[in-house]
Amino acid sequence: MDLKRRISYQWQLFFPLVLTLWAIIFGMTWWMVENEKKFREDSMKEQLGLINERILATYQSEQDPRSFIDFVCRYYKSNPNYDLLRVSVYQNGEQIRSWGEPIGLSETEAEVEHGVTRTPEVNRSPEDANAGDRYFFYDNRTSADGEVTVISILPFDQDIRNATAPRSSLYWIVIALAIGVTVLSYFSTRYFGRNIKILRTIADKAVTDPNFIPPMDYPHDELGDITRRIAQMYNERSAAMQRQKREHAVALHAIEEKAKAKRQLTNNINHELRTPIGVVKGYLDTILENPDMDDTSRTHFLRKASEHIDRLVNLIADVSAITRLEDGGELIATEELDYHDVVYTIANDVEESGALGSMTFSFDVPLDCKINGNYNLLSGMLINLVKNAGLHSKGTLCELVMVKEDDNFYHFEFRDNGTGVGEEHLPHLFDRFYRVDSGRSRKAGGTGLGLPIVRNTVIAHGGDIVVENRPEGGLVFKFTLPKFRTKH
């Protein structure tokens, strides 16, 4: 099929091209022959007129025209085109000189200066009369006084036609040229047919095979460059479509994951709310069902209900914070902050509140550490790190240290000297409601959202955060915060 198609392409180009070239060659040859014939005929007519004018000029100058006529006859006799030249001179109707057979014109022909005659012979024999007529160019000139008439003729038919016919070499040149353009057309159309086949193959494959990748090995010529460019554009378009499909798949997966995360968050929230609400309801029901309960027991139940209500308040606040960070993290308002002042304020609050008990919080952040951030979110993030260390690390010390800086970020480490966690728990510490020790965490009052809030806060500010176990014991949270840059 491909061979037939390639042959079809070649002959579809070959026949119109070669026929057009043949028409041009033979048309130009015909035009040249006809133009050359007309030129020679005009030249002969001009020569006849010139001969007659010179003879009349000789007569008018009262010279004997015989010597000039003899010269003319000798001069033109050497020219093969004029060896049949005939000249007759008449004076007052009588012939005074004739070279060749005397010339006689009919009355109609004698009235015009030049033309074509068929019967110029004066003494035509009956045998000649029965022969076929011959055509002659003639030129008829009469002197100003009307006494002298000069008539010159040349055969127009076979002799002159042979003289004006092109040489046989011209036909051989035309034939050779026609063969040359035919061969050239064949190889040219064969070459173009091959390139058209390549383009057609690319088009067919592009339509039928979605995984088709065109090769880039094409002839190094204009058509090859065009084919190569088309293949390149097709590959780029295919790559763009594949990239778009992947991006669409990733976006769709992200949407599905986000929806899944929201469903999971909703389920976790329901689960987390159900326990404290059930406990509070149990305490209140117990109080209502026992109106004679002593004051000590009633106060104990009310205090426990209050603790669980505080837990509900903290849980709702954390859910609100993490939802705001996930849904509108890119829209948080930021400003220039001195992070040393932020950390210093939190350290004082922790120390005055006694929230860490016997655990100590220290920091090493340089003065004038300017970051681009949101004060409330960064404060909440650090408080969550401190609370997490106090509740779960089982250590005596936690600290925040700036370890280095680069052109765009400050690099910090928050670490404690506690027991750390199992390596299997590290990938999940930032998952919502994930607890290493579920029972102990619930008893300590944690909501399970502190570390996810920390992670989302860092990401919302354009930084990164990871968590690792320290070789000497405890956890270390490594995170970055962006430097403040003055907008120009």
Protein backbone atom coordinates (compact mmCIF):
# COMPACT_ATOMS: atom_id res chain seq x y z
CA MET A 1 0.00 0.00 0.00
CA ASP A 2 2.80 2.41 0.87
CA LEU A 3 4.62 1.58 -2.37
CA LYS A 4 1.47 2.18 -4.42
CA ARG A 5 0.84 5.42 -2.58
CA ARG A 6 4.41 6.60 -3.09
CA ILE A 7 4.24 5.73 -6.81
CA SER A 8 0.91 7.51 -7.06
CA TYR A 9 2.38 10.63 -5.43
CA GLN A 10 5.35 10.52 -7.81
CA TRP A 11 3.31 10.16 -11.01
CA GLN A 12 0.80 12.76 -9.89
CA LEU A 13 3.70 15.18 -9.78
CA PHE A 14 5.62 13.77 -12.76
CA PHE A 15 3.06 13.92 -15.58
CA PRO A 16 1.87 17.52 -15.07
CA LEU A 17 5.47 18.67 -14.62
CA VAL A 18 6.95 16.91 -17.66
CA LEU A 19 4.02 17.85 -19.91
CA THR A 20 4.36 21.47 -18.86
CA LEU A 21 8.09 21.44 -19.55
CA TRP A 22 7.56 19.77 -22.92
CA ALA A 23 4.95 22.37 -23.84
CA ILE A 24 7.39 25.13 -22.91
CA ILE A 25 10.29 23.57 -24.88
CA PHE A 26 8.33 22.83 -28.06
CA GLY A 27 6.41 26.09 -27.83
CA MET A 28 9.64 28.06 -27.56
CA THR A 29 11.15 26.05 -30.44
CA TRP A 30 8.12 26.73 -32.67
CA TRP A 31 8.23 30.41 -31.76
CA MET A 32 11.94 30.60 -32.55
CA VAL A 33 11.53 28.86 -35.93
CA GLU A 34 8.58 31.04 -36.91
CA ASN A 35 10.35 34.15 -35.72
CA GLU A 36 13.50 33.19 -37.63
CA LYS A 37 11.45 32.45 -40.76
CA LYS A 38 9.69 35.80 -40.56
CA PHE A 39 12.99 37.55 -39.97
CA ARG A 40 14.55 35.97 -43.05
CA GLU A 41 11.49 36.69 -45.17
CA ASP A 42 11.51 40.32 -44.06
CA SER A 43 15.25 40.47 -44.73
CA MET A 44 14.73 39.14 -48.29
CA LYS A 45 11.93 41.61 -48.94
CA GLU A 46 14.16 44.41 -47.67
CA GLN A 47 17.03 43.26 -49.92
CA LEU A 48 14.75 43.19 -52.95
CA GLY A 49 13.59 46.72 -52.22
CA LEU A 50 17.16 47.87 -51.70
CA ILE A 51 18.27 46.40 -55.06
CA ASN A 52 15.44 48.11 -56.89
CA GLU A 53 16.09 51.45 -55.17
CA ARG A 54 19.77 51.34 -56.10
CA ILE A 55 19.01 50.51 -59.72
CA LEU A 56 16.54 53.39 -59.95
CA ALA A 57 19.05 55.68 -58.25
CA THR A 58 21.63 54.74 -60.89
CA TYR A 59 19.14 55.53 -63.66
CA GLN A 60 18.17 58.89 -62.12
CA SER A 61 21.85 59.84 -61.89
CA GLU A 62 22.01 59.23 -65.68
CA GLN A 63 24.37 56.34 -65.28
CA ASP A 64 24.14 53.07 -67.13
CA PRO A 65 22.42 50.62 -64.72
CA ARG A 66 23.81 47.59 -66.53
CA SER A 67 27.12 47.64 -64.65
CA PHE A 68 25.30 47.82 -61.27
CA ILE A 69 22.94 45.02 -62.24
CA ASP A 70 25.91 42.86 -63.19
CA PHE A 71 27.48 43.66 -59.80
CA VAL A 72 24.29 42.77 -58.01
CA CYS A 73 24.01 39.51 -59.85
CA ARG A 74 27.59 38.57 -59.06
CA TYR A 75 27.27 39.64 -55.37
CA TYR A 76 24.06 37.79 -54.61
CA LYS A 77 24.99 34.78 -56.66
CA SER A 78 27.44 33.77 -53.91
CA ASN A 79 24.67 33.76 -51.30
CA PRO A 80 22.74 30.45 -51.37
CA ASN A 81 19.59 32.22 -50.21
CA TYR A 82 19.70 34.55 -53.21
CA ASP A 83 21.05 32.31 -55.98
CA LEU A 84 17.53 32.21 -57.47
CA LEU A 85 17.27 35.99 -57.52
CA ARG A 86 15.76 37.44 -60.76
CA VAL A 87 15.76 41.12 -61.77
CA SER A 88 14.06 42.73 -64.78
CA VAL A 89 14.32 46.38 -65.82
CA TYR A 90 11.74 47.96 -68.15
CA GLN A 91 11.90 51.37 -69.80
CA ASN A 92 8.71 52.69 -71.33
CA GLY A 93 7.33 49.16 -71.26
CA GLU A 94 10.30 47.57 -73.03
CA GLN A 95 12.73 45.28 -71.29
CA ILE A 96 16.23 46.75 -71.28
CA ARG A 97 17.92 44.33 -68.89
CA SER A 98 17.07 41.04 -67.20
CA TRP A 99 18.98 38.74 -64.98
CA GLY A 100 17.35 35.33 -65.16
CA GLU A 101 14.00 34.73 -66.81
CA PRO A 102 12.14 37.96 -67.63
CA ILE A 103 9.54 38.92 -65.03
CA GLY A 104 6.02 39.90 -65.83
CA LEU A 105 3.35 40.92 -63.36
CA SER A 106 -0.38 41.07 -63.79
CA GLU A 107 -2.04 44.46 -63.85
CA THR A 108 -3.31 43.94 -60.32
CA GLU A 109 0.10 42.93 -59.00
CA ALA A 110 1.84 45.78 -60.83
CA GLU A 111 -0.30 48.29 -58.95
CA VAL A 112 1.34 47.45 -55.60
CA GLU A 113 4.96 47.97 -54.58
CA HIS A 114 5.63 44.49 -53.21
CA GLY A 115 3.82 41.26 -52.52
CA VAL A 116 3.58 37.64 -53.55
CA THR A 117 2.97 36.46 -57.13
CA ARG A 118 2.34 33.05 -58.62
CA THR A 119 2.97 33.66 -62.35
CA PRO A 120 5.89 36.00 -62.87
CA GLU A 121 7.14 34.42 -66.16
CA VAL A 122 6.59 36.43 -69.35
CA ASN A 123 7.02 33.58 -71.76
CA ARG A 124 5.45 30.68 -69.96
CA SER A 125 5.24 27.48 -71.99
CA PRO A 126 2.11 25.31 -72.05
CA GLU A 127 4.02 22.64 -70.12
CA ASP A 128 4.83 25.15 -67.40
CA ALA A 129 1.26 26.36 -67.39
CA ASN A 130 0.08 22.83 -66.66
CA ALA A 131 2.63 22.51 -63.85
CA GLY A 132 1.81 23.61 -60.37
CA ASP A 133 2.04 27.30 -59.58
CA ARG A 134 5.03 28.60 -57.71
CA TYR A 135 5.01 31.52 -55.28
CA PHE A 136 7.51 34.40 -55.41
CA PHE A 137 8.28 37.46 -53.35
CA TYR A 138 8.40 40.44 -55.63
CA ASP A 139 9.31 44.09 -55.30
CA ASN A 140 8.06 46.52 -57.96
CA ARG A 141 9.58 50.05 -58.09
CA THR A 142 9.04 52.78 -60.72
CA SER A 143 11.12 55.93 -61.18
CA ALA A 144 9.69 59.32 -60.38
CA ASP A 145 9.18 60.13 -64.09
CA GLY A 146 7.41 56.80 -64.65
CA GLU A 147 9.78 55.73 -67.45
CA VAL A 148 11.79 53.02 -65.68
CA THR A 149 10.33 50.07 -63.76
CA VAL A 150 12.44 47.55 -61.83
CA ILE A 151 11.00 44.18 -60.72
CA SER A 152 12.91 41.74 -58.44
CA ILE A 153 11.67 38.35 -57.32
CA LEU A 154 12.75 35.41 -55.16
CA PRO A 155 10.99 32.04 -54.96
CA PHE A 156 8.74 31.84 -51.90
CA ASP A 157 7.88 28.18 -51.95
CA GLN A 158 10.25 25.25 -51.57
CA ASP A 159 13.52 27.10 -52.11
CA ILE A 160 12.86 29.92 -49.67
CA ARG A 161 11.19 27.59 -47.19
CA ASN A 162 14.24 25.38 -47.24
CA ALA A 163 16.41 28.44 -46.74
CA THR A 164 14.35 29.56 -43.75
CA ALA A 165 13.84 26.09 -42.27
CA PRO A 166 15.76 25.32 -39.06
CA ARG A 167 18.79 23.09 -39.22
CA SER A 168 18.49 19.44 -38.27
CA SER A 169 20.84 20.03 -35.31
CA LEU A 170 18.14 22.17 -33.74
CA TYR A 171 15.77 19.19 -33.68
CA TRP A 172 18.42 17.03 -32.03
CA ILE A 173 19.00 19.76 -29.44
CA VAL A 174 15.25 19.96 -28.75
CA ILE A 175 14.97 16.17 -28.46
CA ALA A 176 18.00 16.02 -26.12
CA LEU A 177 16.55 18.85 -24.03
CA ALA A 178 13.17 17.08 -23.81
CA ILE A 179 14.85 13.85 -22.69
CA GLY A 180 16.94 15.78 -20.14
CA VAL A 181 13.95 17.53 -18.55
CA THR A 182 12.07 14.20 -18.54
CA VAL A 183 14.84 12.47 -16.60
CA LEU A 184 15.23 15.46 -14.29
CA SER A 185 11.48 15.56 -13.70
CA TYR A 186 11.45 11.86 -12.91
CA PHE A 187 14.13 12.07 -10.22
CA SER A 188 12.75 15.36 -8.85
CA THR A 189 9.22 14.00 -8.51
CA ARG A 190 10.62 10.80 -7.05
CA TYR A 191 12.40 12.88 -4.42
CA PHE A 192 9.33 15.02 -3.70
CA GLY A 193 7.12 11.92 -3.65
CA ARG A 194 9.32 10.42 -0.95
CA ASN A 195 9.00 13.56 1.21
CA ILE A 196 5.24 13.65 0.67
CA LYS A 197 5.10 10.00 1.73
CA ILE A 198 6.98 10.89 4.92
CA LEU A 199 4.57 13.72 5.69
CA ARG A 200 1.56 11.51 4.92
CA THR A 201 2.93 8.76 7.18
CA ILE A 202 3.31 11.26 10.02
CA ALA A 203 -0.26 12.46 9.46
CA ASP A 204 -1.70 8.91 9.33
CA LYS A 205 0.22 7.79 12.42
CA ALA A 206 -0.72 10.94 14.32
CA VAL A 207 -4.42 10.23 13.67
CA THR A 208 -4.42 6.48 14.33
CA ASP A 209 -1.71 6.02 16.98
CA PRO A 210 -1.93 8.21 20.10
CA ASN A 211 1.50 6.98 21.26
CA PHE A 212 3.22 7.69 17.93
CA ILE A 213 6.50 9.64 18.22
CA PRO A 214 7.77 10.86 14.81
CA PRO A 215 11.47 10.27 14.10
CA MET A 216 13.69 13.29 13.51
CA ASP A 217 15.96 11.79 10.80
CA TYR A 218 14.95 13.57 7.59
CA PRO A 219 16.83 14.83 4.49
CA HIS A 220 18.94 17.93 5.04
CA ASP A 221 17.09 20.16 2.62
CA GLU A 222 14.18 22.59 2.60
CA LEU A 223 11.46 19.92 2.62
CA GLY A 224 13.39 17.90 5.17
CA ASP A 225 13.64 20.96 7.42
CA ILE A 226 9.90 21.58 7.06
CA THR A 227 9.14 17.94 7.87
CA ARG A 228 11.52 18.05 10.83
CA ARG A 229 9.81 21.22 12.11
CA ILE A 230 6.34 19.64 11.74
CA ALA A 231 7.52 16.53 13.60
CA GLN A 232 9.06 18.71 16.31
CA MET A 233 5.84 20.70 16.72
CA TYR A 234 3.86 17.44 16.86
CA ASN A 235 6.19 16.02 19.51
CA GLU A 236 6.01 19.26 21.52
CA ARG A 237 2.22 19.27 21.24
CA SER A 238 2.04 15.61 22.24
CA ALA A 239 4.36 16.27 25.18
CA ALA A 240 2.23 19.26 26.19
CA MET A 241 -0.94 17.16 26.01
CA GLN A 242 0.67 14.40 28.05
CA ARG A 243 1.89 16.97 30.56
CA GLN A 244 -1.59 18.50 30.67
CA LYS A 245 -3.10 15.05 31.27
CA ARG A 246 -0.62 14.40 34.07
CA GLU A 247 -1.28 17.80 35.60
CA HIS A 248 -5.00 17.21 35.30
CA ALA A 249 -4.60 13.82 36.94
CA VAL A 250 -2.48 15.34 39.70
CA ALA A 251 -5.00 18.15 40.21
CA LEU A 252 -7.86 15.67 40.23
CA HIS A 253 -5.96 13.49 42.67
CA ALA A 254 -5.27 16.54 44.85
CA ILE A 255 -8.96 17.44 44.80
CA GLU A 256 -9.90 13.88 45.69
CA GLU A 257 -7.28 13.80 48.44
CA LYS A 258 -8.51 17.12 49.78
CA ALA A 259 -12.08 15.87 49.78
CA LYS A 260 -10.93 12.65 51.41
CA ALA A 261 -8.98 14.63 54.00
CA LYS A 262 -12.03 16.76 54.75
CA ARG A 263 -14.18 13.68 55.14
CA GLN A 264 -11.54 12.16 57.39
CA LEU A 265 -11.30 15.41 59.33
CA THR A 266 -15.06 15.47 59.76
CA ASN A 267 -15.07 11.87 60.94
CA ASN A 268 -12.17 12.53 63.31
CA ILE A 269 -13.84 15.65 64.66
CA ASN A 270 -17.04 13.70 65.25
CA HIS A 271 -15.03 11.04 67.01
CA GLU A 272 -13.05 13.54 69.07
CA LEU A 273 -16.18 15.50 70.02
CA ARG A 274 -18.19 12.43 70.93
CA THR A 275 -15.94 11.44 73.87
CA PRO A 276 -15.84 14.74 75.80
CA ILE A 277 -19.48 15.45 75.04
CA GLY A 278 -20.43 11.99 76.31
CA VAL A 279 -18.34 12.50 79.46
CA VAL A 280 -19.82 15.96 80.14
CA LYS A 281 -23.35 14.62 79.59
CA GLY A 282 -22.60 11.72 81.95
CA TYR A 283 -21.38 14.02 84.71
CA LEU A 284 -24.34 16.36 84.33
CA ASP A 285 -26.85 13.50 84.19
CA THR A 286 -25.31 12.06 87.35
CA ILE A 287 -25.70 15.38 89.15
CA LEU A 288 -29.30 15.81 87.93
CA GLU A 289 -30.28 12.28 88.87
CA ASN A 290 -28.84 12.61 92.37
CA PRO A 291 -30.19 15.83 93.84
CA ASP A 292 -29.09 14.74 97.32
CA MET A 293 -25.44 14.37 96.19
CA ASP A 294 -22.99 15.85 98.64
CA ASP A 295 -21.22 19.08 97.74
CA THR A 296 -17.80 17.47 97.45
CA SER A 297 -18.95 14.95 94.82
CA ARG A 298 -21.00 17.58 92.95
CA THR A 299 -17.97 19.91 92.82
CA HIS A 300 -15.78 17.05 91.58
CA PHE A 301 -18.22 16.17 88.78
CA LEU A 302 -18.61 19.81 87.76
CA ARG A 303 -14.82 20.30 87.69
CA LYS A 304 -14.42 17.23 85.45
CA ALA A 305 -17.19 18.48 83.16
CA SER A 306 -15.45 21.87 82.97
CA GLU A 307 -12.16 20.22 82.03
CA HIS A 308 -13.79 18.37 79.17
CA ILE A 309 -15.58 21.53 78.05
CA ASP A 310 -12.17 23.28 77.95
CA ARG A 311 -10.95 20.41 75.82
CA LEU A 312 -13.90 20.95 73.46
CA VAL A 313 -13.10 24.67 73.25
CA ASN A 314 -9.45 23.92 72.44
CA LEU A 315 -10.45 21.34 69.86
CA ILE A 316 -12.84 23.75 68.11
CA ALA A 317 -10.18 26.46 68.13
CA ASP A 318 -7.58 24.09 66.62
CA VAL A 319 -10.03 22.85 63.97
CA SER A 320 -10.79 26.44 63.03
CA ALA A 321 -7.08 27.26 62.80
CA ILE A 322 -6.12 24.26 60.64
CA THR A 323 -9.14 24.75 58.37
CA ARG A 324 -8.20 28.39 57.82
CA LEU A 325 -4.61 27.44 57.01
CA GLU A 326 -5.60 24.70 54.55
CA ASP A 327 -8.32 26.63 52.72
CA GLY A 328 -6.70 30.05 52.62
CA GLY A 329 -3.04 29.57 53.44
CA GLU A 330 -1.88 31.67 50.48
CA LEU A 331 -4.08 34.59 51.58
CA ILE A 332 -2.71 35.10 55.10
CA ALA A 333 -1.70 38.65 55.94
CA THR A 334 2.04 39.03 56.57
CA GLU A 335 4.21 41.86 57.79
CA GLU A 336 7.74 42.58 58.96
CA LEU A 337 8.32 40.86 62.31
CA ASP A 338 11.30 40.63 64.61
CA TYR A 339 11.27 36.92 65.40
CA HIS A 340 13.50 37.45 68.44
CA ASP A 341 10.74 39.56 69.99
CA VAL A 342 8.09 36.96 69.14
CA VAL A 343 10.08 34.14 70.77
CA TYR A 344 11.01 36.32 73.74
CA THR A 345 7.32 37.09 74.43
CA ILE A 346 6.32 33.41 74.24
CA ALA A 347 9.20 32.39 76.53
CA ASN A 348 8.06 34.90 79.18
CA ASP A 349 4.43 33.74 78.91
CA VAL A 350 5.46 30.09 79.30
CA GLU A 351 7.63 30.85 82.31
CA GLU A 352 5.01 33.01 84.07
CA SER A 353 2.16 30.55 83.42
CA GLY A 354 4.14 27.54 84.58
CA ALA A 355 2.64 25.56 81.70
CA LEU A 356 5.78 23.41 81.34
CA GLY A 357 5.99 22.51 84.99
CA SER A 358 9.55 21.46 85.76
CA MET A 359 10.59 21.60 82.10
CA THR A 360 12.65 24.57 80.95
CA PHE A 361 12.27 26.48 77.65
CA SER A 362 15.24 28.46 76.28
CA PHE A 363 16.04 30.10 72.94
CA ASP A 364 18.95 31.41 70.91
CA VAL A 365 17.60 33.73 68.22
CA PRO A 366 19.70 36.78 67.25
CA LEU A 367 18.39 40.30 67.65
CA ASP A 368 17.00 42.01 64.57
CA CYS A 369 15.97 38.68 63.01
CA LYS A 370 13.50 40.17 60.52
CA ILE A 371 11.03 37.74 58.96
CA ASN A 372 7.96 38.12 56.77
CA GLY A 373 5.14 36.53 58.74
CA ASN A 374 1.86 36.63 60.61
CA TYR A 375 2.29 37.29 64.32
CA ASN A 376 -0.70 35.30 65.59
CA LEU A 377 0.06 32.24 63.49
CA LEU A 378 3.76 32.18 64.39
CA SER A 379 2.98 32.65 68.05
CA GLY A 380 0.47 29.80 67.96
CA MET A 381 2.96 27.61 66.11
CA LEU A 382 5.66 28.09 68.77
CA ILE A 383 3.17 27.57 71.61
CA ASN A 384 2.08 24.28 70.02
CA LEU A 385 5.72 23.12 69.79
CA VAL A 386 6.32 24.01 73.43
CA LYS A 387 3.08 22.33 74.59
CA ASN A 388 3.88 19.21 72.56
CA ALA A 389 7.30 18.98 74.19
CA GLY A 390 5.84 19.53 77.66
CA LEU A 391 3.10 16.93 77.20
CA HIS A 392 4.93 14.15 75.37
CA SER A 393 8.74 14.49 75.43
CA LYS A 394 9.33 13.34 79.04
CA GLY A 395 12.39 15.61 79.03
CA THR A 396 13.63 18.48 81.14
CA LEU A 397 14.60 20.97 78.45
CA CYS A 398 13.30 22.29 75.14
CA GLU A 399 14.94 25.05 73.12
CA LEU A 400 14.64 27.04 69.88
CA VAL A 401 17.90 27.82 68.04
CA MET A 402 18.63 29.60 64.75
CA VAL A 403 21.30 27.38 63.16
CA LYS A 404 22.01 29.28 59.89
CA GLU A 405 20.65 31.62 57.25
CA ASP A 406 20.85 31.97 53.46
CA ASP A 407 19.77 34.61 50.99
CA ASN A 408 16.05 33.97 51.48
CA PHE A 409 15.47 32.01 54.67
CA TYR A 410 16.39 31.65 58.33
CA HIS A 411 16.89 28.03 59.45
CA PHE A 412 15.68 27.05 62.95
CA GLU A 413 15.66 23.94 65.14
CA PHE A 414 13.23 23.26 67.99
CA ARG A 415 14.55 20.36 70.05
CA ASP A 416 14.05 18.65 73.39
CA ASN A 417 16.07 16.16 75.45
CA GLY A 418 13.24 13.70 75.92
CA THR A 419 12.79 10.12 74.80
CA GLY A 420 11.79 10.76 71.18
CA VAL A 421 9.41 8.44 69.33
CA GLY A 422 9.67 5.23 67.40
CA GLU A 423 10.88 5.61 63.83
CA GLU A 424 7.59 4.20 62.56
CA HIS A 425 5.77 7.19 64.06
CA LEU A 426 7.92 9.95 62.52
CA PRO A 427 6.15 10.03 59.08
CA HIS A 428 2.77 10.48 60.81
CA LEU A 429 3.51 13.10 63.46
CA PHE A 430 2.03 15.85 61.24
CA ASP A 431 -1.14 13.85 60.48
CA ARG A 432 -4.29 15.24 62.01
CA PHE A 433 -5.46 13.52 65.21
CA TYR A 434 -2.45 11.17 65.11
CA ARG A 435 -1.27 10.13 68.56
CA VAL A 436 1.76 8.05 69.45
CA ASP A 437 0.09 7.03 72.70
CA SER A 438 -3.62 7.62 72.26
CA GLY A 439 -4.65 6.97 75.83
CA ARG A 440 -1.91 9.10 77.40
CA SER A 441 -2.49 11.95 74.91
CA ARG A 442 -6.18 12.08 75.65
CA LYS A 443 -5.48 12.04 79.37
CA ALA A 444 -3.01 14.92 78.91
CA GLY A 445 -5.67 16.95 77.10
CA GLY A 446 -4.11 17.14 73.63
CA THR A 447 -6.39 17.61 70.60
CA GLY A 448 -4.15 15.83 68.06
CA LEU A 449 -4.01 18.96 65.87
CA GLY A 450 -1.07 20.84 67.37
CA LEU A 451 1.67 19.50 65.07
CA PRO A 452 -0.53 19.67 61.90
CA ILE A 453 -1.12 23.34 62.74
CA VAL A 454 2.66 23.81 63.13
CA ARG A 455 3.33 22.23 59.71
CA ASN A 456 0.57 24.18 57.92
CA THR A 457 1.77 27.44 59.48
CA VAL A 458 5.32 26.92 58.19
CA ILE A 459 4.09 25.96 54.71
CA ALA A 460 1.69 28.91 54.60
CA HIS A 461 4.69 31.20 55.19
CA GLY A 462 6.61 29.55 52.31
CA GLY A 463 8.97 27.48 54.46
CA ASP A 464 9.63 23.76 55.04
CA ILE A 465 9.60 21.62 58.17
CA VAL A 466 10.82 18.09 59.02
CA VAL A 467 11.01 16.13 62.26
CA GLU A 468 13.76 13.71 63.32
CA ASN A 469 14.91 11.80 66.38
CA ARG A 470 18.07 13.23 67.94
CA PRO A 471 20.98 10.81 68.46
CA GLU A 472 21.33 12.02 72.04
CA GLY A 473 17.58 11.62 72.66
CA GLY A 474 14.49 13.65 72.02
CA LEU A 475 12.95 15.16 68.90
CA VAL A 476 14.18 17.99 66.70
CA PHE A 477 11.87 20.01 64.40
CA LYS A 478 13.87 21.68 61.61
CA PHE A 479 12.03 24.48 59.84
CA THR A 480 12.63 27.62 57.78
CA LEU A 481 10.97 31.03 57.77
CA PRO A 482 11.33 33.64 54.99
CA LYS A 483 13.40 36.75 55.43
CA PHE A 484 11.66 40.10 55.14
CA ARG A 485 12.47 41.85 51.86
CA THR A 486 11.71 45.50 51.23
CA LYS A 487 9.57 45.87 48.09
CA HIS A 488 11.00 48.28 45.54
